């Protein structure tokens, strides 16, 4: 009898957590909204995977954005033509710090780190990213040219014979 109770306890201990585990999903983003200016559109594809593996079809993910003043907007993802992928066009109406979260349409809301949305036409961020890349490319090109030229023999000057 004691062995039977022990077996039942072990089975119950395994079955109950497994039954309560239920479903969960992950949400992957095609890009982050950090480069989106105020009033611009963050075109994002959401990949919703059940248990982080199986693409979830037939769900309706919703992106909610909220600024520090409490202004909030919602954007619904629509099927993007590939299993488990949904597309949303998100517009941040003003500059400032915005938080965003995504209801995966299946099990829970996923929260992400807040982003700083810049005013339209503020190209300082883009310039900060482009200049180091340009400088690196210039240094790399110069080093490559110098490396390739180091092994070449220098041409000999041509001597012309004088007419006698």
N, C-alpha and C. Protein backbone atom coordinates (compact mmCIF):
# COMPACT_ATOMS: atom_id res chain seq x y z
N UNK A 1 0.82 -1.19 0.00
CA UNK A 1 0.00 0.00 0.00
C UNK A 1 0.87 1.26 0.00
N UNK A 2 1.95 1.23 0.79
CA UNK A 2 2.84 2.38 0.85
C UNK A 2 3.49 2.63 -0.51
N UNK A 3 3.83 1.54 -1.22
CA UNK A 3 4.44 1.69 -2.53
C UNK A 3 3.45 2.30 -3.52
N UNK A 4 2.19 1.90 -3.43
CA UNK A 4 1.17 2.44 -4.31
C UNK A 4 0.99 3.93 -4.07
N UNK A 5 0.96 4.36 -2.81
CA UNK A 5 0.84 5.78 -2.48
C UNK A 5 2.05 6.56 -2.98
N UNK A 6 3.23 5.95 -2.85
CA UNK A 6 4.45 6.60 -3.33
C UNK A 6 4.40 6.77 -4.84
N UNK A 7 3.99 5.77 -5.57
CA UNK A 7 3.88 5.84 -7.02
C UNK A 7 2.85 6.90 -7.41
N UNK A 8 1.71 6.94 -6.75
CA UNK A 8 0.69 7.95 -7.04
C UNK A 8 1.20 9.37 -6.77
N UNK A 9 1.96 9.52 -5.70
CA UNK A 9 2.51 10.84 -5.37
C UNK A 9 3.51 11.29 -6.45
N UNK A 10 4.33 10.36 -6.91
CA UNK A 10 5.31 10.70 -7.95
C UNK A 10 4.58 11.05 -9.26
N UNK A 11 3.59 10.27 -9.63
CA UNK A 11 2.83 10.54 -10.85
C UNK A 11 2.13 11.88 -10.73
N UNK A 12 1.52 12.16 -9.60
CA UNK A 12 0.83 13.44 -9.40
C UNK A 12 1.84 14.59 -9.43
N UNK A 13 3.01 14.37 -8.87
CA UNK A 13 4.04 15.41 -8.87
C UNK A 13 4.55 15.74 -10.25
N UNK A 14 4.52 14.79 -11.16
CA UNK A 14 4.96 15.02 -12.53
C UNK A 14 3.82 15.54 -13.39
N UNK A 15 2.63 14.99 -13.24
CA UNK A 15 1.50 15.32 -14.10
C UNK A 15 0.97 16.73 -13.84
N UNK A 16 0.88 17.15 -12.60
CA UNK A 16 0.30 18.45 -12.29
C UNK A 16 1.13 19.60 -12.87
N UNK A 17 2.45 19.65 -12.68
CA UNK A 17 3.21 20.74 -13.31
C UNK A 17 3.14 20.70 -14.83
N UNK A 18 3.14 19.50 -15.41
CA UNK A 18 3.06 19.41 -16.87
C UNK A 18 1.73 19.95 -17.37
N UNK A 19 0.67 19.66 -16.66
CA UNK A 19 -0.64 20.16 -17.07
C UNK A 19 -0.72 21.67 -16.91
N UNK A 20 -0.08 22.22 -15.90
CA UNK A 20 -0.11 23.66 -15.66
C UNK A 20 0.85 24.43 -16.54
N UNK A 21 1.77 23.72 -17.22
CA UNK A 21 2.75 24.42 -18.03
C UNK A 21 2.08 25.16 -19.17
N UNK A 22 1.04 24.59 -19.72
CA UNK A 22 0.28 25.27 -20.76
C UNK A 22 1.13 25.70 -21.92
N UNK A 23 0.62 26.65 -22.68
CA UNK A 23 1.35 27.14 -23.83
C UNK A 23 1.99 28.48 -23.54
N UNK A 24 3.07 28.74 -24.20
CA UNK A 24 3.72 30.05 -24.15
C UNK A 24 4.33 30.31 -25.50
N UNK A 25 4.64 31.54 -25.73
CA UNK A 25 5.18 31.92 -27.03
C UNK A 25 6.28 32.95 -26.87
N UNK A 26 7.11 33.04 -27.89
CA UNK A 26 8.13 34.09 -27.96
C UNK A 26 7.78 35.00 -29.12
N UNK A 27 8.28 36.24 -29.05
CA UNK A 27 8.06 37.19 -30.14
C UNK A 27 9.42 37.74 -30.55
N UNK A 28 9.75 37.56 -31.81
CA UNK A 28 10.97 38.13 -32.37
C UNK A 28 10.61 39.31 -33.26
N UNK A 29 11.47 40.31 -33.30
CA UNK A 29 11.22 41.52 -34.09
C UNK A 29 12.21 41.60 -35.25
N UNK A 30 11.73 42.02 -36.41
CA UNK A 30 12.62 42.17 -37.57
C UNK A 30 13.60 43.31 -37.36
N UNK A 31 13.21 44.31 -36.61
CA UNK A 31 14.10 45.43 -36.27
C UNK A 31 13.54 46.14 -35.05
N UNK A 32 14.40 46.91 -34.41
CA UNK A 32 13.99 47.69 -33.25
C UNK A 32 13.57 49.09 -33.70
N UNK A 33 12.75 49.78 -32.90
CA UNK A 33 12.22 51.07 -33.34
C UNK A 33 13.14 52.26 -33.11
N UNK A 34 14.35 52.05 -32.61
CA UNK A 34 15.23 53.15 -32.22
C UNK A 34 15.54 54.18 -33.28
N UNK A 35 15.54 53.82 -34.56
CA UNK A 35 15.88 54.77 -35.63
C UNK A 35 14.65 55.45 -36.22
N UNK A 36 13.49 55.21 -35.65
CA UNK A 36 12.25 55.78 -36.18
C UNK A 36 12.08 57.20 -35.64
N UNK A 37 11.95 58.19 -36.52
CA UNK A 37 11.70 59.55 -36.04
C UNK A 37 10.23 59.72 -35.65
N UNK A 38 9.95 60.72 -34.87
CA UNK A 38 8.57 61.03 -34.50
C UNK A 38 7.75 61.27 -35.76
N UNK A 39 6.59 60.66 -35.84
CA UNK A 39 5.74 60.80 -37.02
C UNK A 39 6.09 59.83 -38.13
N UNK A 40 7.26 59.20 -38.04
CA UNK A 40 7.67 58.21 -39.03
C UNK A 40 7.07 56.85 -38.71
N UNK A 41 7.23 55.93 -39.62
CA UNK A 41 6.64 54.60 -39.44
C UNK A 41 7.72 53.57 -39.14
N UNK A 42 7.49 52.81 -38.09
CA UNK A 42 8.33 51.66 -37.74
C UNK A 42 7.65 50.46 -38.39
N UNK A 43 8.18 50.02 -39.53
CA UNK A 43 7.66 48.83 -40.22
C UNK A 43 8.32 47.62 -39.59
N UNK A 44 7.54 46.84 -38.87
CA UNK A 44 8.13 45.72 -38.14
C UNK A 44 7.38 44.43 -38.43
N UNK A 45 8.15 43.37 -38.58
CA UNK A 45 7.58 42.03 -38.68
C UNK A 45 7.79 41.34 -37.35
N UNK A 46 6.72 40.74 -36.84
CA UNK A 46 6.76 40.01 -35.57
C UNK A 46 6.72 38.53 -35.89
N UNK A 47 7.66 37.79 -35.34
CA UNK A 47 7.65 36.33 -35.50
C UNK A 47 7.21 35.74 -34.18
N UNK A 48 6.03 35.11 -34.18
CA UNK A 48 5.45 34.53 -32.97
C UNK A 48 5.64 33.02 -33.04
N UNK A 49 6.38 32.47 -32.07
CA UNK A 49 6.68 31.05 -32.04
C UNK A 49 6.18 30.43 -30.74
N UNK A 50 5.35 29.38 -30.87
CA UNK A 50 4.88 28.66 -29.69
C UNK A 50 6.05 27.87 -29.14
N UNK A 51 6.28 28.00 -27.83
CA UNK A 51 7.39 27.36 -27.13
C UNK A 51 8.73 27.73 -27.77
N UNK A 52 8.76 28.87 -28.47
CA UNK A 52 9.99 29.34 -29.08
C UNK A 52 10.40 28.57 -30.31
N UNK A 53 9.52 27.66 -30.82
CA UNK A 53 9.90 26.80 -31.94
C UNK A 53 8.88 26.83 -33.08
N UNK A 54 7.63 26.54 -32.77
CA UNK A 54 6.60 26.35 -33.79
C UNK A 54 5.93 27.66 -34.16
N UNK A 55 5.94 28.05 -35.44
CA UNK A 55 5.27 29.28 -35.86
C UNK A 55 3.77 29.22 -35.53
N UNK A 56 3.28 30.28 -34.89
CA UNK A 56 1.87 30.34 -34.51
C UNK A 56 1.07 31.06 -35.57
N UNK A 57 0.07 30.39 -36.11
CA UNK A 57 -0.81 30.99 -37.09
C UNK A 57 -2.16 31.25 -36.44
N UNK A 58 -2.87 32.23 -36.96
CA UNK A 58 -4.22 32.50 -36.48
C UNK A 58 -4.29 33.29 -35.19
N UNK A 59 -3.19 33.92 -34.79
CA UNK A 59 -3.22 34.78 -33.60
C UNK A 59 -3.23 36.24 -34.06
N UNK A 60 -3.53 37.13 -33.15
CA UNK A 60 -3.56 38.55 -33.47
C UNK A 60 -2.66 39.30 -32.49
N UNK A 61 -1.37 39.46 -32.83
CA UNK A 61 -0.49 40.21 -31.93
C UNK A 61 -0.82 41.70 -31.96
N UNK A 62 -0.63 42.35 -30.81
CA UNK A 62 -0.92 43.77 -30.69
C UNK A 62 0.27 44.47 -30.04
N UNK A 63 0.76 45.52 -30.70
CA UNK A 63 1.84 46.34 -30.15
C UNK A 63 1.21 47.55 -29.47
N UNK A 64 1.59 47.79 -28.22
CA UNK A 64 1.13 48.97 -27.49
C UNK A 64 2.33 49.85 -27.19
N UNK A 65 2.26 51.12 -27.58
CA UNK A 65 3.33 52.07 -27.27
C UNK A 65 2.79 53.08 -26.28
N UNK A 66 3.64 53.49 -25.33
CA UNK A 66 3.23 54.44 -24.30
C UNK A 66 4.38 55.39 -24.02
N UNK A 67 4.08 56.71 -23.97
CA UNK A 67 5.14 57.66 -23.64
C UNK A 67 5.09 58.00 -22.16
N UNK A 68 6.04 58.81 -21.70
CA UNK A 68 6.13 59.17 -20.29
C UNK A 68 4.92 59.92 -19.78
N UNK A 69 4.19 60.59 -20.66
CA UNK A 69 3.00 61.34 -20.24
C UNK A 69 1.74 60.49 -20.17
N UNK A 70 1.88 59.21 -20.47
CA UNK A 70 0.73 58.32 -20.39
C UNK A 70 -0.03 58.16 -21.70
N UNK A 71 0.40 58.85 -22.75
CA UNK A 71 -0.25 58.69 -24.05
C UNK A 71 0.05 57.28 -24.55
N UNK A 72 -0.99 56.60 -25.02
CA UNK A 72 -0.84 55.21 -25.43
C UNK A 72 -1.56 54.97 -26.75
N UNK A 73 -0.96 54.13 -27.60
CA UNK A 73 -1.58 53.75 -28.88
C UNK A 73 -1.34 52.27 -29.11
N UNK A 74 -2.27 51.66 -29.85
CA UNK A 74 -2.15 50.24 -30.17
C UNK A 74 -2.15 50.02 -31.67
N UNK A 75 -1.37 49.01 -32.10
CA UNK A 75 -1.25 48.65 -33.51
C UNK A 75 -1.35 47.13 -33.62
N UNK A 76 -2.25 46.67 -34.45
CA UNK A 76 -2.51 45.24 -34.60
C UNK A 76 -1.67 44.66 -35.74
N UNK A 77 -1.04 43.52 -35.45
CA UNK A 77 -0.27 42.83 -36.47
C UNK A 77 -1.19 42.04 -37.39
N UNK A 78 -0.85 42.03 -38.66
CA UNK A 78 -1.63 41.27 -39.65
C UNK A 78 -0.73 40.22 -40.27
N UNK A 79 -1.28 39.09 -40.71
CA UNK A 79 -0.45 38.04 -41.30
C UNK A 79 0.39 38.58 -42.45
N UNK A 80 1.68 38.19 -42.46
CA UNK A 80 2.62 38.71 -43.45
C UNK A 80 2.89 37.72 -44.58
N UNK A 81 2.12 36.64 -44.65
CA UNK A 81 2.29 35.70 -45.74
C UNK A 81 3.22 34.54 -45.44
N UNK A 82 3.82 34.53 -44.27
CA UNK A 82 4.69 33.43 -43.86
C UNK A 82 4.19 32.95 -42.50
N UNK A 83 4.18 31.65 -42.29
CA UNK A 83 3.64 31.09 -41.04
C UNK A 83 4.31 31.73 -39.82
N UNK A 84 3.48 32.24 -38.91
CA UNK A 84 3.97 32.80 -37.66
C UNK A 84 4.50 34.22 -37.76
N UNK A 85 4.47 34.83 -38.94
CA UNK A 85 4.99 36.19 -39.11
C UNK A 85 3.83 37.15 -39.33
N UNK A 86 3.85 38.26 -38.59
CA UNK A 86 2.81 39.28 -38.65
C UNK A 86 3.48 40.63 -38.85
N UNK A 87 2.81 41.52 -39.59
CA UNK A 87 3.37 42.83 -39.89
C UNK A 87 2.56 43.92 -39.21
N UNK A 88 3.26 44.95 -38.74
CA UNK A 88 2.59 46.11 -38.16
C UNK A 88 3.33 47.37 -38.59
N UNK A 89 2.57 48.42 -38.83
CA UNK A 89 3.12 49.75 -39.12
C UNK A 89 2.84 50.61 -37.90
N UNK A 90 3.89 50.88 -37.12
CA UNK A 90 3.75 51.60 -35.86
C UNK A 90 4.23 53.02 -36.05
N UNK A 91 3.43 53.99 -35.61
CA UNK A 91 3.79 55.40 -35.72
C UNK A 91 3.90 55.98 -34.31
N UNK A 92 5.09 56.49 -33.99
CA UNK A 92 5.29 57.20 -32.73
C UNK A 92 4.93 58.66 -33.00
N UNK A 93 3.86 59.18 -32.37
CA UNK A 93 3.36 60.50 -32.73
C UNK A 93 4.25 61.67 -32.30
N UNK A 94 5.13 61.46 -31.33
CA UNK A 94 5.96 62.57 -30.86
C UNK A 94 7.32 62.05 -30.42
N UNK A 95 8.27 62.96 -30.30
CA UNK A 95 9.60 62.55 -29.83
C UNK A 95 9.56 62.34 -28.33
N UNK A 96 10.58 61.69 -27.83
CA UNK A 96 10.66 61.42 -26.39
C UNK A 96 10.90 59.95 -26.13
N UNK A 97 10.80 59.57 -24.88
CA UNK A 97 11.00 58.18 -24.48
C UNK A 97 9.67 57.44 -24.57
N UNK A 98 9.68 56.35 -25.30
CA UNK A 98 8.49 55.53 -25.49
C UNK A 98 8.79 54.10 -25.05
N UNK A 99 7.88 53.52 -24.28
CA UNK A 99 7.99 52.10 -23.98
C UNK A 99 7.06 51.36 -24.93
N UNK A 100 7.35 50.10 -25.18
CA UNK A 100 6.48 49.32 -26.04
C UNK A 100 6.42 47.90 -25.53
N UNK A 101 5.26 47.30 -25.74
CA UNK A 101 5.04 45.92 -25.34
C UNK A 101 4.19 45.24 -26.41
N UNK A 102 4.30 43.92 -26.46
CA UNK A 102 3.58 43.18 -27.49
C UNK A 102 2.80 42.03 -26.86
N UNK A 103 1.50 42.05 -27.04
CA UNK A 103 0.66 40.91 -26.69
C UNK A 103 0.81 39.93 -27.85
N UNK A 104 1.30 38.73 -27.57
CA UNK A 104 1.58 37.77 -28.64
C UNK A 104 0.34 37.14 -29.26
N UNK A 105 -0.83 37.44 -28.69
CA UNK A 105 -2.08 36.88 -29.21
C UNK A 105 -2.31 35.45 -28.78
N UNK A 106 -1.45 34.94 -27.89
CA UNK A 106 -1.54 33.54 -27.50
C UNK A 106 -1.47 33.36 -25.99
N UNK A 107 -0.43 33.92 -25.36
CA UNK A 107 -0.25 33.59 -23.95
C UNK A 107 0.12 34.75 -23.04
N UNK A 108 0.86 35.74 -23.54
CA UNK A 108 1.30 36.78 -22.61
C UNK A 108 1.75 38.04 -23.34
N UNK A 109 2.02 39.07 -22.55
CA UNK A 109 2.54 40.33 -23.05
C UNK A 109 4.05 40.37 -22.84
N UNK A 110 4.77 40.71 -23.89
CA UNK A 110 6.24 40.79 -23.85
C UNK A 110 6.62 42.26 -23.77
N UNK A 111 7.45 42.61 -22.80
CA UNK A 111 7.87 44.00 -22.66
C UNK A 111 9.30 44.14 -23.17
N UNK A 112 9.59 45.33 -23.69
CA UNK A 112 10.91 45.62 -24.25
C UNK A 112 11.46 46.89 -23.63
N UNK A 113 12.74 47.09 -23.77
CA UNK A 113 13.41 48.27 -23.24
C UNK A 113 12.87 49.52 -23.94
N UNK A 114 12.57 50.59 -23.18
CA UNK A 114 12.08 51.83 -23.81
C UNK A 114 13.09 52.37 -24.82
N UNK A 115 12.57 53.11 -25.80
CA UNK A 115 13.42 53.69 -26.84
C UNK A 115 13.25 55.21 -26.85
N UNK A 116 14.28 55.87 -27.36
CA UNK A 116 14.24 57.32 -27.50
C UNK A 116 13.89 57.63 -28.95
N UNK A 117 12.77 58.30 -29.15
CA UNK A 117 12.32 58.68 -30.49
C UNK A 117 12.73 60.13 -30.72
N UNK A 118 13.43 60.38 -31.81
CA UNK A 118 13.94 61.73 -32.09
C UNK A 118 12.93 62.54 -32.89
N UNK A 119 13.13 63.84 -32.87
CA UNK A 119 12.27 64.74 -33.65
C UNK A 119 12.54 64.51 -35.14
N UNK A 120 11.55 64.75 -36.00
CA UNK A 120 11.78 64.57 -37.44
C UNK A 120 12.91 65.46 -37.93
N UNK A 121 13.74 64.92 -38.81
CA UNK A 121 14.83 65.71 -39.38
C UNK A 121 16.07 65.77 -38.52
N UNK A 122 16.04 65.18 -37.34
CA UNK A 122 17.22 65.17 -36.48
C UNK A 122 18.15 64.08 -36.98
N UNK A 123 19.10 64.44 -37.83
CA UNK A 123 19.99 63.48 -38.45
C UNK A 123 21.27 63.26 -37.68
N UNK A 124 21.39 63.80 -36.48
CA UNK A 124 22.64 63.68 -35.74
C UNK A 124 22.96 62.23 -35.43
N UNK A 125 21.96 61.41 -35.13
CA UNK A 125 22.22 60.01 -34.82
C UNK A 125 22.77 59.28 -36.04
N UNK A 126 22.19 59.54 -37.20
CA UNK A 126 22.65 58.90 -38.43
C UNK A 126 24.08 59.31 -38.74
N UNK A 127 24.41 60.58 -38.55
CA UNK A 127 25.76 61.07 -38.81
C UNK A 127 26.76 60.40 -37.88
N UNK A 128 26.40 60.23 -36.63
CA UNK A 128 27.29 59.59 -35.67
C UNK A 128 27.56 58.15 -36.08
N UNK A 129 26.60 57.48 -36.70
CA UNK A 129 26.79 56.10 -37.13
C UNK A 129 27.56 56.00 -38.44
N UNK A 130 27.39 56.96 -39.36
CA UNK A 130 27.99 56.88 -40.68
C UNK A 130 29.46 57.29 -40.67
N UNK A 131 29.81 58.32 -39.93
CA UNK A 131 31.19 58.80 -39.95
C UNK A 131 32.22 57.75 -39.52
N UNK A 132 32.03 57.04 -38.42
CA UNK A 132 33.02 56.01 -38.07
C UNK A 132 33.11 54.91 -39.13
N UNK A 133 32.00 54.53 -39.72
CA UNK A 133 32.02 53.50 -40.77
C UNK A 133 32.80 54.00 -41.99
N UNK A 134 32.59 55.26 -42.37
CA UNK A 134 33.31 55.84 -43.50
C UNK A 134 34.81 55.90 -43.21
N UNK A 135 35.17 56.34 -42.00
CA UNK A 135 36.58 56.43 -41.63
C UNK A 135 37.23 55.05 -41.65
N UNK A 136 36.53 54.05 -41.14
CA UNK A 136 37.06 52.69 -41.13
C UNK A 136 37.26 52.19 -42.56
N UNK A 137 36.31 52.44 -43.44
CA UNK A 137 36.41 52.01 -44.83
C UNK A 137 37.59 52.69 -45.52
N UNK A 138 37.81 53.97 -45.24
CA UNK A 138 38.92 54.70 -45.83
C UNK A 138 40.26 54.13 -45.36
N UNK A 139 40.39 53.86 -44.08
CA UNK A 139 41.63 53.28 -43.54
C UNK A 139 41.86 51.89 -44.13
N UNK A 140 40.81 51.10 -44.23
CA UNK A 140 40.93 49.76 -44.79
C UNK A 140 41.35 49.80 -46.26
N UNK A 141 40.77 50.70 -47.03
CA UNK A 141 41.12 50.83 -48.45
C UNK A 141 42.58 51.26 -48.60
N UNK A 142 43.03 52.23 -47.79
CA UNK A 142 44.42 52.70 -47.85
C UNK A 142 45.38 51.57 -47.49
N UNK A 143 45.07 50.84 -46.44
CA UNK A 143 45.94 49.73 -46.03
C UNK A 143 46.00 48.65 -47.10
N UNK A 144 44.89 48.38 -47.75
CA UNK A 144 44.87 47.37 -48.81
C UNK A 144 45.72 47.80 -49.99
N UNK A 145 45.61 49.05 -50.39
CA UNK A 145 46.41 49.56 -51.51
C UNK A 145 47.90 49.50 -51.18
N UNK A 146 48.26 49.92 -49.97
CA UNK A 146 49.67 49.88 -49.58
C UNK A 146 50.18 48.45 -49.52
N UNK A 147 49.38 47.54 -49.05
CA UNK A 147 49.78 46.14 -48.97
C UNK A 147 50.00 45.56 -50.37
N UNK A 148 49.10 45.84 -51.27
CA UNK A 148 49.22 45.30 -52.63
C UNK A 148 50.40 45.91 -53.39
N UNK A 149 50.73 47.14 -53.11
CA UNK A 149 51.82 47.81 -53.83
C UNK A 149 53.19 47.44 -53.28
N UNK A 150 53.29 46.91 -52.11
CA UNK A 150 54.59 46.67 -51.48
C UNK A 150 55.43 45.63 -52.21
N UNK A 151 54.81 44.65 -52.86
CA UNK A 151 55.54 43.57 -53.51
C UNK A 151 55.89 43.84 -54.96
N UNK A 152 55.42 44.91 -55.52
CA UNK A 152 55.69 45.19 -56.93
C UNK A 152 57.06 45.84 -57.11
N UNK A 153 57.80 45.37 -58.11
CA UNK A 153 59.09 46.04 -58.37
C UNK A 153 58.83 47.40 -59.03
N UNK A 154 59.69 48.32 -58.73
CA UNK A 154 59.55 49.65 -59.32
C UNK A 154 60.01 49.60 -60.77
N UNK A 155 59.35 50.30 -61.64
CA UNK A 155 59.76 50.26 -63.05
C UNK A 155 61.12 50.94 -63.26
N UNK A 156 61.88 50.38 -64.18
CA UNK A 156 63.18 50.95 -64.54
C UNK A 156 62.94 52.06 -65.55
N UNK A 157 63.69 53.13 -65.44
CA UNK A 157 63.52 54.18 -66.43
C UNK A 157 64.03 53.70 -67.79
N UNK A 158 63.38 54.12 -68.81
CA UNK A 158 63.77 53.75 -70.17
C UNK A 158 64.84 54.72 -70.65
N UNK A 159 65.94 54.16 -71.17
CA UNK A 159 67.02 55.00 -71.66
C UNK A 159 66.96 54.99 -73.18
N UNK A 160 66.93 56.14 -73.72
CA UNK A 160 66.90 56.28 -75.17
C UNK A 160 68.33 56.38 -75.70
N UNK A 161 68.58 55.71 -76.78
CA UNK A 161 69.91 55.78 -77.41
C UNK A 161 69.94 57.05 -78.25
N UNK A 162 71.06 57.70 -78.13
CA UNK A 162 71.20 58.93 -78.92
C UNK A 162 71.66 58.59 -80.34
N UNK A 163 71.18 59.32 -81.26
CA UNK A 163 71.59 59.10 -82.66
C UNK A 163 73.01 59.62 -82.85
N UNK A 164 73.85 58.86 -83.52
CA UNK A 164 75.25 59.24 -83.71
C UNK A 164 75.47 60.14 -84.86
